């Protein structure tokens, strides 16, 4: 693969916030004539102004600044004191010990952890099992490192509650065909479905049987919107040296601006991740690392209220979408994403995404970012101002009727 090919696969056109670069930042001026008036809403990412960060976050950041060089120039894998503070919290949350000294790394966002984990496991020609649909960076990173993708379908549209819909036969077939790495998100991004305990146990069983390494992105694992159980892969009967778990406080806790994430699990893989981080970014932003002191240490009731607010917005938007004939959307069980499948339109899905931005002031992420099989879907991050988001989905529904085939 040529260097041009490698980078042509890394399109940023639909990455969160990139619509502003394309001129959508002035979309309010376009809402006139035959356009639909209203407050522009960017559903490609969450609105941290609508949901304020964890209390005390800025104060800990300021304290990190006051610590000066001691905090600015930490170990490449992050300040040891902070790792020893959050390690037990992560262990309590996931149900199995975390080696804070050798098995935990602080990264520039969970995206940084994902990059380092894939780079630590995949090289040219390696076969990697990837869920479809799933987080767009999984596919792009494997392609960038010249791995070979073996797709595994997530049949999320099935009505069976409490089951994500992973095709376990396809996963075993991928392992049998030589995949030695499996990458997936739980809760799934973009659909918001949560893998059942049985699905997670079977993933662990297959990984052990075929000697595979699993990278699991659990970024939204705290934002549980249903009463369904959440099962941590690393707490199953699986070799702890063969699992890397990725988390961070960017989304649920609205701390994305501090660029903080973690990867934890295998001592060997975390060691590789640190070596790469040392030449890519040196470390997570030094002063920001202090903000992790607030993580899993929010005031009593804070997380429950955050979940309640998101559940209300989710339900409002679902009601709006389901008022439109032939829209199909599964209720997300966790996280902050809706992934509706649109009815047949008179314009191609990509064109509709552009029309939606230009005529309704609504920015969404096209389904093709997550799987070639979901071109007729769009992703909406509903971590937004409730009133503005509800109105924006109303405009989305009106535009669907305007362009219905």
Protein backbone atom coordinates (compact mmCIF):
# COMPACT_ATOMS: atom_id res chain seq x y z
CA UNK A 1 0.00 0.00 0.00
CA UNK A 2 1.42 3.39 -0.98
CA UNK A 3 1.71 6.22 1.51
CA UNK A 4 -0.97 8.10 -0.47
CA UNK A 5 -3.34 5.15 -0.16
CA UNK A 6 -2.73 4.86 3.56
CA UNK A 7 -3.71 8.44 4.18
CA UNK A 8 -6.56 8.53 1.69
CA UNK A 9 -8.31 5.99 3.93
CA UNK A 10 -8.10 8.36 6.89
CA UNK A 11 -10.71 10.86 5.76
CA UNK A 12 -11.61 13.38 8.46
CA UNK A 13 -14.63 14.82 6.67
CA UNK A 14 -17.11 13.20 9.04
CA UNK A 15 -15.04 13.22 12.20
CA UNK A 16 -16.60 15.02 15.20
CA UNK A 17 -16.27 18.78 14.84
CA UNK A 18 -14.89 18.66 11.30
CA UNK A 19 -18.08 20.04 9.77
CA UNK A 20 -17.04 23.42 11.16
CA UNK A 21 -13.91 23.24 9.03
CA UNK A 22 -16.14 22.60 6.03
CA UNK A 23 -18.09 25.79 6.61
CA UNK A 24 -20.94 24.43 8.70
CA UNK A 25 -19.94 26.78 11.48
CA UNK A 26 -21.94 29.47 9.66
CA UNK A 27 -24.87 27.17 9.00
CA UNK A 28 -27.22 29.51 10.86
CA UNK A 29 -26.93 31.95 7.97
CA UNK A 30 -28.22 29.23 5.64
CA UNK A 31 -31.51 28.77 7.47
CA UNK A 32 -33.65 30.90 5.22
CA UNK A 33 -35.78 30.56 2.11
CA UNK A 34 -36.88 26.95 1.74
CA UNK A 35 -34.69 25.94 4.69
CA UNK A 36 -36.10 24.91 8.04
CA UNK A 37 -35.49 27.53 10.75
CA UNK A 38 -34.09 26.60 14.11
CA UNK A 39 -30.98 26.43 16.27
CA UNK A 40 -28.18 24.50 14.50
CA UNK A 41 -27.26 21.27 16.29
CA UNK A 42 -24.11 19.23 15.69
CA UNK A 43 -25.00 15.61 16.46
CA UNK A 44 -21.54 14.42 15.40
CA UNK A 45 -20.36 14.87 18.99
CA UNK A 46 -21.71 15.65 22.44
CA UNK A 47 -22.31 19.19 23.69
CA UNK A 48 -20.12 19.72 26.75
CA UNK A 49 -21.79 23.07 27.32
CA UNK A 50 -25.14 21.33 27.73
CA UNK A 51 -23.71 18.85 30.24
CA UNK A 52 -21.11 20.37 32.50
CA UNK A 53 -17.91 18.55 33.52
CA UNK A 54 -17.40 16.69 36.76
CA UNK A 55 -17.39 19.10 39.74
CA UNK A 56 -13.86 20.05 40.76
CA UNK A 57 -12.29 19.18 37.40
CA UNK A 58 -10.94 22.65 36.74
CA UNK A 59 -9.69 23.02 40.30
CA UNK A 60 -7.64 19.84 39.97
CA UNK A 61 -6.34 21.04 36.61
CA UNK A 62 -5.24 24.30 38.24
CA UNK A 63 -3.57 22.31 41.01
CA UNK A 64 -1.70 20.37 38.33
CA UNK A 65 -0.43 23.65 36.93
CA UNK A 66 0.68 24.69 40.39
CA UNK A 67 2.66 21.45 40.69
CA UNK A 68 4.74 22.73 37.79
CA UNK A 69 7.30 20.45 36.21
CA UNK A 70 6.49 17.57 38.52
CA UNK A 71 3.08 17.32 36.86
CA UNK A 72 4.04 18.62 33.42
CA UNK A 73 6.76 15.99 32.86
CA UNK A 74 5.37 12.76 34.22
CA UNK A 75 6.37 9.26 33.21
CA UNK A 76 5.42 8.47 29.63
CA UNK A 77 2.67 6.20 30.91
CA UNK A 78 1.37 8.88 33.28
CA UNK A 79 1.95 10.11 36.82
CA UNK A 80 2.44 7.10 39.11
CA UNK A 81 0.50 8.67 41.97
CA UNK A 82 -2.52 9.21 39.73
CA UNK A 83 -2.27 5.71 38.29
CA UNK A 84 -2.15 4.26 41.80
CA UNK A 85 -5.22 6.34 42.67
CA UNK A 86 -7.39 5.34 39.71
CA UNK A 87 -6.13 1.77 39.43
CA UNK A 88 -8.19 0.48 42.40
CA UNK A 89 -11.21 2.43 41.15
CA UNK A 90 -10.97 0.77 37.75
CA UNK A 91 -10.48 -2.60 39.43
CA UNK A 92 -13.61 -2.12 41.54
CA UNK A 93 -15.60 -1.07 38.48
CA UNK A 94 -14.47 -3.91 36.20
CA UNK A 95 -14.33 -6.63 38.84
CA UNK A 96 -10.71 -7.72 38.60
CA UNK A 97 -7.35 -6.25 39.77
CA UNK A 98 -5.52 -3.56 37.81
CA UNK A 99 -1.73 -3.39 37.91
CA UNK A 100 -1.41 0.37 38.29
CA UNK A 101 2.38 0.37 38.00
CA UNK A 102 2.91 -1.88 34.98
CA UNK A 103 -0.51 -2.56 33.47
CA UNK A 104 -2.05 0.91 33.18
CA UNK A 105 -1.26 3.83 30.87
CA UNK A 106 -2.78 7.31 30.74
CA UNK A 107 -3.20 8.55 27.16
CA UNK A 108 -4.32 11.66 25.22
CA UNK A 109 -7.98 10.68 25.22
CA UNK A 110 -9.39 7.19 24.79
CA UNK A 111 -8.68 7.70 21.07
CA UNK A 112 -5.00 7.83 21.97
CA UNK A 113 -5.34 4.58 23.91
CA UNK A 114 -7.06 2.92 20.96
CA UNK A 115 -4.31 4.03 18.57
CA UNK A 116 -1.59 2.71 20.86
CA UNK A 117 -3.37 -0.59 21.53
CA UNK A 118 -3.95 -1.35 17.85
CA UNK A 119 -0.38 -0.34 17.02
CA UNK A 120 0.87 -2.66 19.78
CA UNK A 121 -0.99 -5.63 18.29
CA UNK A 122 -1.23 -5.21 14.51
CA UNK A 123 1.39 -5.12 11.82
CA UNK A 124 1.40 -5.64 8.05
CA UNK A 125 -0.60 -8.69 6.98
CA UNK A 126 -2.07 -9.50 10.38
CA UNK A 127 -5.68 -10.62 10.33
CA UNK A 128 -7.98 -8.66 12.64
CA UNK A 129 -11.63 -9.35 13.44
CA UNK A 130 -13.68 -6.15 13.36
CA UNK A 131 -17.36 -5.75 14.23
CA UNK A 132 -19.64 -4.09 11.67
CA UNK A 133 -21.03 -1.61 12.54
CA UNK A 134 -18.61 -0.36 15.15
CA UNK A 135 -16.50 2.69 15.94
CA UNK A 136 -15.06 4.05 12.69
CA UNK A 137 -11.48 4.37 13.98
CA UNK A 138 -11.20 0.59 14.52
CA UNK A 139 -11.34 -0.07 10.79
CA UNK A 140 -9.23 2.93 9.83
CA UNK A 141 -6.44 2.06 12.26
CA UNK A 142 -6.23 -1.57 11.16
CA UNK A 143 -6.07 -0.44 7.53
CA UNK A 144 -3.42 2.16 8.35
CA UNK A 145 -1.21 -0.48 9.98
CA UNK A 146 -1.85 -2.65 6.90
CA UNK A 147 -3.72 -5.38 8.69
CA UNK A 148 -6.36 -7.51 6.99
CA UNK A 149 -9.91 -7.00 8.25
CA UNK A 150 -12.18 -9.98 8.80
CA UNK A 151 -15.66 -8.51 9.37
CA UNK A 152 -18.05 -9.84 12.00
CA UNK A 153 -21.65 -8.67 11.73
CA UNK A 154 -23.58 -7.14 14.61
CA UNK A 155 -27.22 -7.94 13.91
CA UNK A 156 -28.37 -5.15 16.21
CA UNK A 157 -31.75 -4.60 14.59
CA UNK A 158 -33.08 -7.86 16.02
CA UNK A 159 -35.97 -7.38 18.48
CA UNK A 160 -34.49 -9.62 21.17
CA UNK A 161 -33.94 -7.36 24.19
CA UNK A 162 -30.76 -7.81 26.15
CA UNK A 163 -28.74 -9.23 23.25
CA UNK A 164 -26.41 -7.06 21.17
CA UNK A 165 -26.65 -9.42 18.21
CA UNK A 166 -23.01 -10.35 17.57
CA UNK A 167 -22.70 -13.14 15.01
CA UNK A 168 -20.57 -15.49 17.09
CA UNK A 169 -20.29 -18.01 14.26
CA UNK A 170 -18.64 -15.34 12.13
CA UNK A 171 -16.32 -14.43 15.00
CA UNK A 172 -15.20 -18.04 15.36
CA UNK A 173 -14.78 -18.30 11.60
CA UNK A 174 -12.55 -15.21 11.70
CA UNK A 175 -10.41 -16.74 14.44
CA UNK A 176 -10.28 -20.03 12.53
CA UNK A 177 -9.17 -18.09 9.44
CA UNK A 178 -6.21 -16.69 11.34
CA UNK A 179 -7.41 -13.56 13.16
CA UNK A 180 -5.31 -13.13 16.28
CA UNK A 181 -6.76 -9.76 17.30
CA UNK A 182 -10.39 -8.79 17.90
CA UNK A 183 -11.43 -5.14 18.36
CA UNK A 184 -14.90 -4.08 19.51
CA UNK A 185 -16.74 -1.50 21.59
CA UNK A 186 -19.14 -2.25 24.45
CA UNK A 187 -21.53 -0.45 24.56
CA UNK A 188 -21.41 -0.49 20.81
CA UNK A 189 -20.75 2.78 19.03
CA UNK A 190 -22.86 3.68 16.98
CA UNK A 191 -25.90 1.63 18.02
CA UNK A 192 -25.79 1.91 21.83
CA UNK A 193 -26.48 -1.81 22.32
CA UNK A 194 -24.86 -3.66 25.23
CA UNK A 195 -23.40 -7.14 24.85
CA UNK A 196 -25.20 -9.71 26.99
CA UNK A 197 -23.33 -11.68 29.66
CA UNK A 198 -23.52 -14.76 27.45
CA UNK A 199 -22.11 -12.92 24.43
CA UNK A 200 -19.17 -11.64 26.49
CA UNK A 201 -18.52 -15.11 27.94
CA UNK A 202 -18.51 -16.61 24.46
CA UNK A 203 -16.12 -13.93 23.20
CA UNK A 204 -13.79 -14.82 26.09
CA UNK A 205 -14.11 -18.54 25.37
CA UNK A 206 -13.29 -18.09 21.69
CA UNK A 207 -10.37 -15.76 22.40
CA UNK A 208 -8.86 -18.35 24.76
CA UNK A 209 -9.48 -21.22 22.35
CA UNK A 210 -7.72 -19.48 19.46
CA UNK A 211 -5.09 -17.56 21.42
CA UNK A 212 -6.39 -14.16 20.33
CA UNK A 213 -5.80 -10.74 21.86
CA UNK A 214 -8.91 -8.63 22.47
CA UNK A 215 -9.05 -4.83 22.52
CA UNK A 216 -12.33 -3.70 24.07
CA UNK A 217 -13.40 -0.05 24.05
CA UNK A 218 -15.61 0.57 27.09
CA UNK A 219 -15.78 4.35 26.83
CA UNK A 220 -19.52 4.50 27.56
CA UNK A 221 -19.67 1.68 30.10
CA UNK A 222 -20.72 4.02 32.92
CA UNK A 223 -23.61 5.61 31.00
CA UNK A 224 -26.06 2.73 31.39
CA UNK A 225 -29.58 3.73 30.34
CA UNK A 226 -31.34 0.43 31.01
CA UNK A 227 -31.49 -2.15 33.78
CA UNK A 228 -29.69 -4.74 31.68
CA UNK A 229 -26.51 -6.19 33.21
CA UNK A 230 -23.15 -4.98 31.96
CA UNK A 231 -20.40 -7.60 31.77
CA UNK A 232 -16.71 -6.72 31.72
CA UNK A 233 -14.67 -8.94 29.41
CA UNK A 234 -11.55 -8.75 31.57
CA UNK A 235 -13.45 -10.26 34.52
CA UNK A 236 -14.28 -13.40 32.53
CA UNK A 237 -12.27 -16.60 32.29
CA UNK A 238 -9.73 -15.14 29.89
CA UNK A 239 -5.97 -14.68 29.97
CA UNK A 240 -5.48 -11.20 31.50
CA UNK A 241 -2.36 -10.81 29.36
CA UNK A 242 -4.52 -11.04 26.24
CA UNK A 243 -6.95 -8.20 27.00
CA UNK A 244 -6.59 -4.42 26.79
CA UNK A 245 -9.51 -2.40 28.13
CA UNK A 246 -9.91 1.21 27.00
CA UNK A 247 -11.83 3.79 28.98
CA UNK A 248 -11.82 7.51 29.73
CA UNK A 249 -13.80 10.37 31.26
CA UNK A 250 -14.34 12.30 28.03
CA UNK A 251 -17.97 11.46 27.32
CA UNK A 252 -20.09 10.52 30.31
CA UNK A 253 -18.25 13.00 32.53
CA UNK A 254 -18.01 15.74 29.83
CA UNK A 255 -14.24 16.07 30.21
CA UNK A 256 -13.34 15.71 26.53
CA UNK A 257 -11.43 19.00 26.44
CA UNK A 258 -8.84 17.68 28.89
CA UNK A 259 -7.92 14.82 26.49
CA UNK A 260 -7.69 11.95 28.98
CA UNK A 261 -8.00 8.23 28.44
CA UNK A 262 -6.56 5.01 29.83
CA UNK A 263 -5.61 1.57 28.60
CA UNK A 264 -5.15 -1.24 31.10
CA UNK A 265 -4.55 -4.96 31.19
CA UNK A 266 -1.60 -6.79 29.70
CA UNK A 267 1.76 -5.72 31.15
CA UNK A 268 3.48 -6.60 27.87
CA UNK A 269 1.03 -4.71 25.68
CA UNK A 270 0.95 -1.67 27.96
CA UNK A 271 4.74 -1.67 27.81
CA UNK A 272 4.57 -1.53 24.01
CA UNK A 273 1.96 1.21 24.18
CA UNK A 274 4.25 3.29 26.40
CA UNK A 275 7.18 2.92 24.01
CA UNK A 276 5.03 4.19 21.16
CA UNK A 277 3.51 7.00 23.22
CA UNK A 278 7.05 8.14 24.06
CA UNK A 279 7.65 8.98 20.40
CA UNK A 280 4.12 10.05 19.40
CA UNK A 281 2.94 12.41 22.14
CA UNK A 282 5.40 11.78 25.01
CA UNK A 283 2.51 11.55 27.50
CA UNK A 284 -1.04 12.64 28.15
CA UNK A 285 -1.18 16.39 28.84
CA UNK A 286 0.63 16.68 32.15
CA UNK A 287 -1.55 19.22 33.90
CA UNK A 288 -4.70 17.49 32.69
CA UNK A 289 -3.74 14.20 34.32
CA UNK A 290 -4.61 15.71 37.69
CA UNK A 291 -8.26 15.90 36.56
CA UNK A 292 -8.42 12.09 36.80
CA UNK A 293 -8.64 12.56 40.56
CA UNK A 294 -12.33 13.36 40.02
CA UNK A 295 -12.95 10.17 38.01
CA UNK A 296 -15.13 7.62 39.80
CA UNK A 297 -15.19 10.12 42.65
CA UNK A 298 -18.14 12.33 41.69
CA UNK A 299 -20.50 13.76 44.33
CA UNK A 300 -23.26 11.47 45.55
CA UNK A 301 -26.11 11.34 43.04
CA UNK A 302 -24.17 13.11 40.29
CA UNK A 303 -23.89 10.10 37.98
CA UNK A 304 -27.51 9.10 38.56
CA UNK A 305 -28.64 12.58 37.52
CA UNK A 306 -26.38 12.53 34.44
CA UNK A 307 -27.95 9.23 33.39
CA UNK A 308 -31.47 10.52 34.05
CA UNK A 309 -30.90 13.57 31.85
CA UNK A 310 -29.60 11.47 28.98
CA UNK A 311 -32.46 9.02 29.26
CA UNK A 312 -34.97 11.88 28.93
CA UNK A 313 -33.27 13.25 25.82
CA UNK A 314 -32.98 9.78 24.31
CA UNK A 315 -36.67 9.11 24.79
CA UNK A 316 -37.71 12.49 23.34
CA UNK A 317 -35.66 11.89 20.21
CA UNK A 318 -36.88 8.31 19.84
CA UNK A 319 -40.47 9.52 20.02
CA UNK A 320 -39.79 12.07 17.30
CA UNK A 321 -38.05 9.61 15.00
CA UNK A 322 -40.66 6.90 15.46
CA UNK A 323 -43.40 9.30 14.42
CA UNK A 324 -42.04 9.02 10.87
CA UNK A 325 -43.22 6.13 8.73
CA UNK A 326 -40.61 3.48 7.91
CA UNK A 327 -37.87 4.76 10.21
CA UNK A 328 -36.29 1.89 12.15
CA UNK A 329 -34.33 2.61 15.31
CA UNK A 330 -33.44 0.38 18.23
CA UNK A 331 -33.55 1.87 21.71
CA UNK A 332 -29.94 2.31 22.86
CA UNK A 333 -29.24 0.62 26.19
CA UNK A 334 -26.17 2.70 27.03
CA UNK A 335 -24.05 5.55 25.75
CA UNK A 336 -25.36 8.58 23.91
CA UNK A 337 -25.95 7.47 20.33
CA UNK A 338 -28.99 6.80 18.16
CA UNK A 339 -28.49 4.94 14.88
CA UNK A 340 -31.75 5.16 12.90
CA UNK A 341 -32.18 3.53 9.51
CA UNK A 342 -33.83 5.99 7.15
CA UNK A 343 -36.70 5.18 4.80
CA UNK A 344 -36.08 5.10 1.07
CA UNK A 345 -35.29 8.62 -0.13
CA UNK A 346 -35.24 10.30 -3.53
CA UNK A 347 -31.59 11.28 -3.00
CA UNK A 348 -28.54 9.17 -2.04
CA UNK A 349 -27.85 8.96 1.70
CA UNK A 350 -24.63 10.99 1.39
CA UNK A 351 -26.49 13.75 -0.39
CA UNK A 352 -29.21 13.71 2.26
CA UNK A 353 -26.59 14.22 5.00
CA UNK A 354 -25.39 17.32 3.15
CA UNK A 355 -28.94 18.60 2.58
CA UNK A 356 -29.68 18.04 6.25
CA UNK A 357 -26.76 20.24 7.21
CA UNK A 358 -27.48 22.95 4.65
CA UNK A 359 -31.27 23.10 4.86
CA UNK A 360 -31.98 22.14 8.46
CA UNK A 361 -28.82 23.07 10.36
CA UNK A 362 -28.49 19.48 11.57
CA UNK A 363 -25.13 17.73 11.41
CA UNK A 364 -25.06 13.94 11.65
CA UNK A 365 -22.50 11.23 10.94
CA UNK A 366 -23.27 9.03 7.91
CA UNK A 367 -23.66 5.31 8.52
CA UNK A 368 -20.91 4.44 6.06
CA UNK A 369 -18.39 5.55 8.68
CA UNK A 370 -19.28 2.48 10.74
CA UNK A 371 -19.93 -0.23 8.15
CA UNK A 372 -20.40 -0.50 4.38
CA UNK A 373 -23.70 -2.23 5.17
CA UNK A 374 -25.25 0.76 6.96
CA UNK A 375 -25.25 3.43 4.25
CA UNK A 376 -28.95 4.11 4.87
CA UNK A 377 -28.35 4.92 8.55
CA UNK A 378 -27.13 8.02 10.36
CA UNK A 379 -25.64 8.45 13.83
CA UNK A 380 -26.80 11.11 16.29
CA UNK A 381 -25.03 11.87 19.55
CA UNK A 382 -27.92 12.88 21.83
CA UNK A 383 -25.74 14.30 24.60
CA UNK A 384 -27.14 17.73 23.73
CA UNK A 385 -29.35 20.49 25.03
CA UNK A 386 -32.70 18.72 25.27
CA UNK A 387 -34.83 21.48 23.74
CA UNK A 388 -32.47 22.19 20.84
CA UNK A 389 -31.95 18.47 20.10
CA UNK A 390 -35.68 17.74 20.08
CA UNK A 391 -36.32 20.62 17.68
CA UNK A 392 -33.44 19.50 15.46
CA UNK A 393 -34.85 15.99 15.19
CA UNK A 394 -38.17 17.58 14.23
CA UNK A 395 -36.39 19.31 11.33
CA UNK A 396 -34.70 16.04 10.44
CA UNK A 397 -38.08 14.33 10.24
CA UNK A 398 -39.50 17.15 8.11
CA UNK A 399 -36.61 16.85 5.68
CA UNK A 400 -37.14 13.10 5.43
CA UNK A 401 -40.71 13.79 4.30
CA UNK A 402 -39.49 16.40 1.84
CA UNK A 403 -37.10 13.96 0.17
CA UNK A 404 -39.03 10.74 0.66
CA UNK A 405 -38.96 8.61 -2.50
